[in-house]
């Protein structure tokens, strides 16, 4: 009897020990998102790429705030200060100073009157009272500010602030028209990244729709859609894009309402790249749909009377999101390259709207005179493309079920 009790106790101890081990294993188990994140973080270059892309996205989103903080205008020209080297301070032209002074006098007549009287009384100007501030604008900025600081009146502070804005610091120098290269690169980031992301998302949606319909229905529908896809893939991309870029969209009746001369080049670029960027996604989605349309959960949904649209959207789409996400990230880098290539050839984003491609185009004749004008946008294009490629590579490794270590 005692022997039997001992055996039962032993069995009870073993059962308790086993369940504790199971509890420990359950505690160690990670949710899917955590496993994917862990796998992604182990890909160091993908993490670096994600950080660089995040920085560029923030720069493009807050381009307006960067302009407000720096006080630089991407379209402001100063021909007297062309091809300035990086890290250079320059003064705006005499015409700009006089225009700003005139606006200040009109906006603050009482302040301007007191400052002008004080300048005349101190003998700091040699002209009539009404033109005292204009006389200062003809001098060196630092000399004019020093003269205003000796007045010791509160009204002089606002004039001093205006004169300080006449001197600008150019982190990356200036271009052939005296425009600040840094702020143009900032706005170029907004245009290039915006075009790349928009094209990648639009092509992903088009490819998802066409690929899922072709893969789910098969037969003649699959044959027609895939032959169209194959025909577009076989076209030489750059020559076709060049021909398409030469089309004037404003002459197409149904596009006149949404296309203007100011946004035509950007609108055209997005449309052209969308037309020739969805084919890879469509074939990828079709292959995934073909592999899962005969699975048990799809057959069960059909048996329960689910509509085709419900099966595709609710049961198949979630299973193709992972490879599609990788394709989107790789597509962004490719779209940025195509935009840069067309803008470099003068068929993409048209000046004065800045983009990395047309900045390269403007700099090609100045490669010896001002090499930084070509190097800076070229480095940004290289960094962005490589970062998106590494990000796609990292996502592919992280999302692949065979690569996930549980």
Protein backbone atom coordinates (compact mmCIF):
# COMPACT_ATOMS: atom_id res chain seq x y z
CA UNK A 1 0.00 0.00 0.00
CA UNK A 2 2.77 2.37 1.00
CA UNK A 3 4.56 1.33 -2.17
CA UNK A 4 1.53 2.32 -4.23
CA UNK A 5 1.24 5.64 -2.39
CA UNK A 6 4.90 6.29 -3.05
CA UNK A 7 4.40 5.62 -6.71
CA UNK A 8 1.44 7.99 -6.87
CA UNK A 9 3.42 10.67 -5.05
CA UNK A 10 6.29 10.19 -7.46
CA UNK A 11 3.90 10.50 -10.38
CA UNK A 12 2.38 13.62 -8.86
CA UNK A 13 5.84 15.15 -8.44
CA UNK A 14 6.73 14.34 -12.02
CA UNK A 15 3.49 15.90 -13.28
CA UNK A 16 4.11 19.04 -11.23
CA UNK A 17 7.66 19.24 -12.55
CA UNK A 18 6.49 18.83 -16.14
CA UNK A 19 3.83 21.56 -15.93
CA UNK A 20 6.38 23.94 -14.42
CA UNK A 21 8.63 23.29 -17.38
CA UNK A 22 5.72 23.97 -19.71
CA UNK A 23 4.99 27.20 -17.87
CA UNK A 24 8.63 28.24 -18.25
CA UNK A 25 8.48 27.50 -21.97
CA UNK A 26 5.28 29.49 -22.29
CA UNK A 27 6.87 32.42 -20.46
CA UNK A 28 9.81 32.34 -22.87
CA UNK A 29 7.52 32.35 -25.92
CA UNK A 30 7.37 35.71 -27.70
CA UNK A 31 4.54 37.27 -29.69
CA UNK A 32 4.98 37.33 -33.46
CA UNK A 33 5.71 41.08 -33.69
CA UNK A 34 8.46 40.73 -31.09
CA UNK A 35 10.12 37.87 -32.97
CA UNK A 36 10.00 39.85 -36.22
CA UNK A 37 11.44 42.94 -34.50
CA UNK A 38 14.25 40.87 -32.92
CA UNK A 39 15.13 39.35 -36.30
CA UNK A 40 15.09 42.78 -37.93
CA UNK A 41 17.32 44.40 -35.28
CA UNK A 42 19.92 41.68 -35.82
CA UNK A 43 20.31 42.94 -39.40
CA UNK A 44 22.56 45.90 -38.57
CA UNK A 45 22.63 47.44 -42.05
CA UNK A 46 18.82 47.30 -42.21
CA UNK A 47 18.62 49.19 -38.92
CA UNK A 48 21.06 51.82 -40.21
CA UNK A 49 18.99 52.10 -43.40
CA UNK A 50 15.79 52.54 -41.38
CA UNK A 51 17.41 55.33 -39.32
CA UNK A 52 18.63 57.16 -42.45
CA UNK A 53 15.21 56.85 -44.10
CA UNK A 54 13.52 58.13 -40.92
CA UNK A 55 15.81 61.17 -40.89
CA UNK A 56 15.05 61.94 -44.55
CA UNK A 57 11.31 61.52 -43.95
CA UNK A 58 11.43 63.93 -41.00
CA UNK A 59 13.40 66.44 -43.09
CA UNK A 60 10.82 66.23 -45.89
CA UNK A 61 7.88 66.60 -43.47
CA UNK A 62 9.38 69.56 -41.60
CA UNK A 63 10.94 71.34 -44.61
CA UNK A 64 8.76 74.40 -43.99
CA UNK A 65 9.85 74.60 -40.35
CA UNK A 66 13.50 74.26 -41.36
CA UNK A 67 13.01 77.16 -43.76
CA UNK A 68 11.45 79.28 -40.98
CA UNK A 69 14.29 78.51 -38.55
CA UNK A 70 17.11 79.17 -41.02
CA UNK A 71 15.40 82.10 -42.74
CA UNK A 72 16.47 80.74 -46.14
CA UNK A 73 14.30 80.68 -49.26
CA UNK A 74 14.92 77.88 -51.80
CA UNK A 75 13.95 80.21 -54.68
CA UNK A 76 15.74 83.38 -53.46
CA UNK A 77 18.43 84.33 -55.98
CA UNK A 78 21.55 86.39 -55.34
CA UNK A 79 23.64 86.48 -58.51
CA UNK A 80 26.39 88.42 -56.73
CA UNK A 81 27.01 85.38 -54.49
CA UNK A 82 27.16 82.52 -57.00
CA UNK A 83 29.20 79.36 -56.40
CA UNK A 84 30.04 80.18 -52.80
CA UNK A 85 31.96 77.43 -51.05
CA UNK A 86 30.33 75.49 -48.17
CA UNK A 87 30.36 77.11 -44.70
CA UNK A 88 30.33 80.63 -46.18
CA UNK A 89 28.58 83.77 -44.92
CA UNK A 90 27.21 86.15 -47.57
CA UNK A 91 25.27 89.40 -47.73
CA UNK A 92 22.10 89.81 -49.76
CA UNK A 93 22.07 92.21 -52.68
CA UNK A 94 21.46 95.94 -52.44
CA UNK A 95 18.09 95.68 -54.21
CA UNK A 96 16.83 93.12 -51.68
CA UNK A 97 17.94 95.32 -48.78
CA UNK A 98 16.20 98.39 -50.15
CA UNK A 99 13.00 96.43 -50.82
CA UNK A 100 12.95 95.05 -47.26
CA UNK A 101 13.69 98.50 -45.78
CA UNK A 102 10.85 99.99 -47.81
CA UNK A 103 8.45 97.30 -46.55
CA UNK A 104 9.61 97.93 -42.98
CA UNK A 105 9.06 101.71 -43.25
CA UNK A 106 5.56 101.18 -44.66
CA UNK A 107 4.68 98.65 -41.94
CA UNK A 108 6.27 100.59 -39.02
CA UNK A 109 6.29 104.31 -39.93
CA UNK A 110 6.63 105.61 -36.34
CA UNK A 111 9.56 103.32 -35.49
CA UNK A 112 11.32 104.18 -38.76
CA UNK A 113 10.82 107.91 -38.15
CA UNK A 114 12.39 107.78 -34.66
CA UNK A 115 15.36 105.71 -35.88
CA UNK A 116 15.98 108.05 -38.82
CA UNK A 117 15.88 111.14 -36.58
CA UNK A 118 18.31 109.51 -34.14
CA UNK A 119 20.70 108.64 -36.97
CA UNK A 120 20.68 112.23 -38.23
CA UNK A 121 21.11 113.73 -34.74
CA UNK A 122 24.12 111.51 -34.06
CA UNK A 123 25.64 112.38 -37.41
CA UNK A 124 25.80 108.71 -38.45
CA UNK A 125 24.32 109.41 -41.89
CA UNK A 126 25.07 112.08 -44.44
CA UNK A 127 21.70 112.27 -46.20
CA UNK A 128 18.32 113.80 -45.46
CA UNK A 129 16.24 112.43 -42.60
CA UNK A 130 13.77 110.64 -44.86
CA UNK A 131 16.56 108.58 -46.47
CA UNK A 132 18.63 107.84 -43.36
CA UNK A 133 17.92 104.11 -43.17
CA UNK A 134 18.38 103.75 -46.95
CA UNK A 135 21.86 105.24 -46.52
CA UNK A 136 22.75 102.50 -44.03
CA UNK A 137 21.75 99.77 -46.48
CA UNK A 138 24.56 100.82 -48.82
CA UNK A 139 27.16 100.07 -46.16
CA UNK A 140 28.58 96.81 -44.86
CA UNK A 141 26.05 94.91 -42.74
CA UNK A 142 28.27 94.76 -39.65
CA UNK A 143 29.06 98.49 -39.92
CA UNK A 144 25.35 99.34 -40.24
CA UNK A 145 24.45 97.19 -37.21
CA UNK A 146 27.21 98.85 -35.14
CA UNK A 147 25.83 102.27 -36.06
CA UNK A 148 22.31 101.28 -35.00
CA UNK A 149 23.54 99.82 -31.69
CA UNK A 150 25.01 103.22 -30.69
CA UNK A 151 21.57 104.87 -30.82
CA UNK A 152 20.50 103.36 -27.47
CA UNK A 153 16.78 103.61 -28.25
CA UNK A 154 14.35 100.66 -28.04
CA UNK A 155 13.07 101.24 -31.60
CA UNK A 156 16.52 100.40 -33.02
CA UNK A 157 16.26 96.72 -31.99
CA UNK A 158 13.66 95.88 -34.67
CA UNK A 159 15.79 97.58 -37.35
CA UNK A 160 18.86 95.68 -36.11
CA UNK A 161 16.93 92.37 -36.43
CA UNK A 162 16.04 93.27 -40.02
CA UNK A 163 19.68 94.09 -40.85
CA UNK A 164 20.86 90.80 -39.32
CA UNK A 165 18.62 88.98 -41.81
CA UNK A 166 20.59 90.63 -44.63
CA UNK A 167 23.50 88.32 -43.76
CA UNK A 168 23.02 84.62 -44.47
CA UNK A 169 25.07 81.56 -43.63
CA UNK A 170 25.29 78.95 -46.40
CA UNK A 171 26.10 75.54 -44.93
CA UNK A 172 26.56 73.89 -48.35
CA UNK A 173 27.32 77.05 -50.34
CA UNK A 174 25.27 78.45 -53.23
CA UNK A 175 24.46 77.34 -56.77
CA UNK A 176 24.72 78.99 -60.19
CA UNK A 177 21.98 81.50 -59.33
CA UNK A 178 23.18 82.24 -55.81
CA UNK A 179 20.45 80.08 -54.21
CA UNK A 180 21.25 78.31 -50.95
CA UNK A 181 22.12 74.66 -51.66
CA UNK A 182 21.17 73.39 -48.19
CA UNK A 183 17.54 74.56 -48.26
CA UNK A 184 17.16 73.37 -51.86
CA UNK A 185 18.39 69.93 -50.81
CA UNK A 186 15.84 69.99 -47.97
CA UNK A 187 12.98 70.72 -50.38
CA UNK A 188 14.50 68.30 -52.89
CA UNK A 189 14.23 65.63 -50.20
CA UNK A 190 10.50 66.37 -49.89
CA UNK A 191 9.96 66.06 -53.67
CA UNK A 192 12.15 62.99 -54.27
CA UNK A 193 10.98 61.07 -51.19
CA UNK A 194 7.37 62.08 -51.83
CA UNK A 195 7.46 60.86 -55.42
CA UNK A 196 9.20 57.62 -54.40
CA UNK A 197 6.77 56.78 -51.59
CA UNK A 198 3.65 57.74 -53.58
CA UNK A 199 4.72 55.66 -56.57
CA UNK A 200 5.60 52.64 -54.39
CA UNK A 201 2.24 52.72 -52.57
CA UNK A 202 0.22 53.26 -55.76
CA UNK A 203 2.06 50.52 -57.67
CA UNK A 204 1.60 48.16 -54.69
CA UNK A 205 -2.16 48.73 -54.70
CA UNK A 206 -2.41 48.27 -58.48
CA UNK A 207 -0.24 45.14 -58.35
CA UNK A 208 -2.22 43.77 -55.41
CA UNK A 209 -5.51 44.19 -57.26
CA UNK A 210 -4.35 42.72 -60.58
CA UNK A 211 -2.26 39.93 -59.05
CA UNK A 212 -5.00 38.79 -56.67
CA UNK A 213 -7.68 38.74 -59.42
CA UNK A 214 -5.37 36.82 -61.79
CA UNK A 215 -4.29 34.33 -59.15
CA UNK A 216 -7.74 33.72 -57.66
CA UNK A 217 -9.81 33.29 -60.84
CA UNK A 218 -7.16 31.81 -63.15
CA UNK A 219 -8.20 30.74 -66.64
CA UNK A 220 -8.68 33.37 -69.33
CA UNK A 221 -8.60 36.23 -66.80
CA UNK A 222 -5.20 35.10 -65.52
CA UNK A 223 -3.89 34.65 -69.07
CA UNK A 224 -4.97 38.11 -70.26
CA UNK A 225 -3.73 39.99 -67.17
CA UNK A 226 -0.39 38.18 -67.08
CA UNK A 227 0.24 38.69 -70.80
CA UNK A 228 -0.34 42.43 -70.34
CA UNK A 229 2.02 42.33 -67.35
CA UNK A 230 4.67 40.45 -69.33
CA UNK A 231 4.35 42.91 -72.23
CA UNK A 232 4.93 45.89 -69.94
CA UNK A 233 7.85 44.18 -68.19
CA UNK A 234 9.52 43.48 -71.56
CA UNK A 235 9.52 47.17 -72.55
CA UNK A 236 12.85 49.01 -72.14
CA UNK A 237 12.04 51.20 -69.14
CA UNK A 238 14.19 54.31 -69.61
CA UNK A 239 13.39 54.94 -73.33
CA UNK A 240 9.65 54.47 -72.66
CA UNK A 241 9.79 56.78 -69.65
CA UNK A 242 11.57 59.42 -71.75
CA UNK A 243 8.84 59.23 -74.43
CA UNK A 244 6.06 59.39 -71.82
CA UNK A 245 7.73 62.31 -70.03
CA UNK A 246 7.57 64.36 -73.23
CA UNK A 247 3.73 64.25 -73.26
CA UNK A 248 1.99 67.51 -72.30
CA UNK A 249 -0.68 66.48 -69.76
CA UNK A 250 -2.38 69.88 -69.83
CA UNK A 251 -3.60 69.12 -73.36
CA UNK A 252 -5.51 66.04 -72.20
CA UNK A 253 -9.10 67.26 -71.55
CA UNK A 254 -9.96 65.20 -68.46
CA UNK A 255 -6.65 66.10 -66.75
CA UNK A 256 -6.89 69.87 -67.18
CA UNK A 257 -8.87 70.28 -63.97
CA UNK A 258 -6.22 68.69 -61.72
CA UNK A 259 -3.00 69.52 -63.57
CA UNK A 260 -1.51 73.00 -63.67
CA UNK A 261 1.83 74.32 -64.90
CA UNK A 262 3.15 74.47 -61.32
CA UNK A 263 2.52 70.81 -60.47
CA UNK A 264 2.52 69.26 -63.95
CA UNK A 265 6.04 67.82 -63.75
CA UNK A 266 5.44 66.18 -60.35
CA UNK A 267 2.00 64.87 -61.37
CA UNK A 268 3.40 63.54 -64.63
CA UNK A 269 6.30 61.84 -62.87
CA UNK A 270 4.00 60.02 -60.42
CA UNK A 271 1.68 58.82 -63.22
CA UNK A 272 4.50 57.63 -65.48
CA UNK A 273 6.29 55.73 -62.72
CA UNK A 274 3.01 54.19 -61.47
CA UNK A 275 2.22 52.86 -64.95
CA UNK A 276 5.57 51.04 -65.18
CA UNK A 277 6.12 49.98 -61.55
CA UNK A 278 3.27 47.62 -60.60
CA UNK A 279 4.19 44.55 -62.69
CA UNK A 280 6.66 42.98 -60.25
CA UNK A 281 4.18 43.34 -57.38
CA UNK A 282 1.41 41.81 -59.50
CA UNK A 283 3.47 38.70 -60.34
CA UNK A 284 4.57 38.36 -56.71
CA UNK A 285 0.98 38.59 -55.43
CA UNK A 286 -0.30 36.19 -58.12
CA UNK A 287 2.27 33.57 -57.12
CA UNK A 288 1.30 33.88 -53.45
CA UNK A 289 -2.43 33.67 -54.24
CA UNK A 290 -1.91 30.58 -56.41
CA UNK A 291 -0.14 28.84 -53.52
CA UNK A 292 -2.88 29.54 -50.96
CA UNK A 293 -6.16 29.46 -52.94
CA UNK A 294 -6.48 25.68 -52.44
CA UNK A 295 -5.65 25.75 -48.74
CA UNK A 296 -8.13 24.42 -46.17
CA UNK A 297 -9.13 27.81 -44.77
CA UNK A 298 -10.05 29.07 -48.27
CA UNK A 299 -12.07 25.91 -49.00
CA UNK A 300 -13.80 26.29 -45.63
CA UNK A 301 -14.73 29.89 -46.44
CA UNK A 302 -16.16 28.80 -49.79
CA UNK A 303 -18.12 26.00 -48.13
CA UNK A 304 -19.64 28.51 -45.71
CA UNK A 305 -20.82 30.61 -48.64
CA UNK A 306 -18.35 33.48 -48.47
CA UNK A 307 -18.23 35.76 -51.51
CA UNK A 308 -15.15 35.86 -53.73
CA UNK A 309 -14.42 39.44 -52.68
CA UNK A 310 -14.62 38.45 -48.99
CA UNK A 311 -12.27 35.50 -49.51
CA UNK A 312 -9.75 37.65 -51.39
CA UNK A 313 -9.82 40.62 -49.01
CA UNK A 314 -10.21 38.92 -45.63
CA UNK A 315 -8.44 35.60 -46.14
CA UNK A 316 -5.88 36.05 -48.92
CA UNK A 317 -4.67 39.64 -48.60
CA UNK A 318 -3.23 39.12 -45.08
CA UNK A 319 -1.11 36.27 -46.43
CA UNK A 320 0.50 38.41 -49.16
CA UNK A 321 1.19 41.52 -47.06
CA UNK A 322 4.64 40.31 -45.95
CA UNK A 323 6.19 39.84 -49.44
CA UNK A 324 4.37 42.97 -50.64
CA UNK A 325 5.91 45.05 -47.84
CA UNK A 326 9.36 43.99 -48.98
CA UNK A 327 8.49 44.82 -52.58
CA UNK A 328 7.23 48.30 -51.57
CA UNK A 329 10.46 49.19 -49.75
CA UNK A 330 12.55 48.08 -52.71
CA UNK A 331 10.21 49.94 -55.08
CA UNK A 332 10.73 53.27 -53.29
CA UNK A 333 14.47 53.21 -53.97
CA UNK A 334 13.88 52.24 -57.60
CA UNK A 335 11.32 55.05 -58.07
CA UNK A 336 13.74 57.62 -56.61
CA UNK A 337 16.41 56.42 -59.04
CA UNK A 338 14.05 56.70 -62.03
CA UNK A 339 12.93 60.18 -60.95
CA UNK A 340 16.54 61.27 -60.55
CA UNK A 341 17.47 59.82 -63.96
CA UNK A 342 14.60 61.57 -65.77
CA UNK A 343 15.20 64.86 -63.93
CA UNK A 344 18.90 64.59 -64.79
CA UNK A 345 17.92 64.26 -68.45
CA UNK A 346 15.68 67.33 -68.13
CA UNK A 347 12.43 65.34 -68.46
CA UNK A 348 11.46 64.96 -64.82
CA UNK A 349 10.75 67.53 -62.11
CA UNK A 350 11.16 70.93 -63.75
CA UNK A 351 12.98 73.89 -62.10
CA UNK A 352 12.50 76.00 -60.09
CA UNK A 353 11.00 73.11 -58.08
CA UNK A 354 14.07 71.48 -56.53
CA UNK A 355 14.67 67.74 -56.69
CA UNK A 356 17.87 65.77 -56.34
CA UNK A 357 17.76 64.80 -60.02
CA UNK A 358 17.39 68.29 -61.49
CA UNK A 359 20.01 69.63 -59.05
CA UNK A 360 22.39 67.08 -60.57
CA UNK A 361 21.32 68.18 -64.04
CA UNK A 362 22.08 71.83 -63.24
CA UNK A 363 25.48 70.90 -61.80
CA UNK A 364 26.77 68.73 -64.67
CA UNK A 365 28.44 71.67 -66.45
CA UNK A 366 29.95 72.96 -63.20
CA UNK A 367 31.64 69.77 -62.03
CA UNK A 368 35.09 71.40 -62.03
CA UNK A 369 34.04 74.88 -60.96
CA UNK A 370 31.75 73.80 -58.08
CA UNK A 371 31.98 70.01 -57.56
CA UNK A 372 29.95 70.10 -54.33
CA UNK A 373 26.83 70.96 -56.38
CA UNK A 374 26.99 67.51 -57.99
CA UNK A 375 28.42 65.56 -55.06
CA UNK A 376 25.76 66.49 -52.47
CA UNK A 377 22.59 65.41 -54.36
CA UNK A 378 24.45 62.38 -55.73
CA UNK A 379 25.39 61.24 -52.21
CA UNK A 380 21.79 61.71 -51.01
CA UNK A 381 20.42 59.62 -53.90
CA UNK A 382 22.99 56.90 -53.19
CA UNK A 383 22.28 56.89 -49.44
CA UNK A 384 18.52 56.76 -49.90
CA UNK A 385 18.57 53.98 -52.49
CA UNK A 386 21.00 51.81 -50.53
CA UNK A 387 19.03 52.42 -47.30
CA UNK A 388 15.75 51.29 -48.88
CA UNK A 389 17.46 48.22 -50.35
CA UNK A 390 18.91 47.23 -46.98
CA UNK A 391 15.57 47.93 -45.30
CA UNK A 392 13.84 45.61 -47.77
CA UNK A 393 16.51 42.96 -47.22
CA UNK A 394 16.09 43.21 -43.45
CA UNK A 395 12.29 43.01 -43.66
CA UNK A 396 12.54 39.98 -45.92
CA UNK A 397 14.71 38.16 -43.39
CA UNK A 398 12.56 39.26 -40.46
CA UNK A 399 9.16 38.38 -41.97
CA UNK A 400 10.15 35.09 -43.63
CA UNK A 401 8.55 32.35 -41.46
CA UNK A 402 11.40 29.94 -42.24
CA UNK A 403 13.97 32.41 -40.88
CA UNK A 404 12.14 33.28 -37.63
CA UNK A 405 13.70 31.65 -34.56
CA UNK A 406 11.00 30.93 -31.99
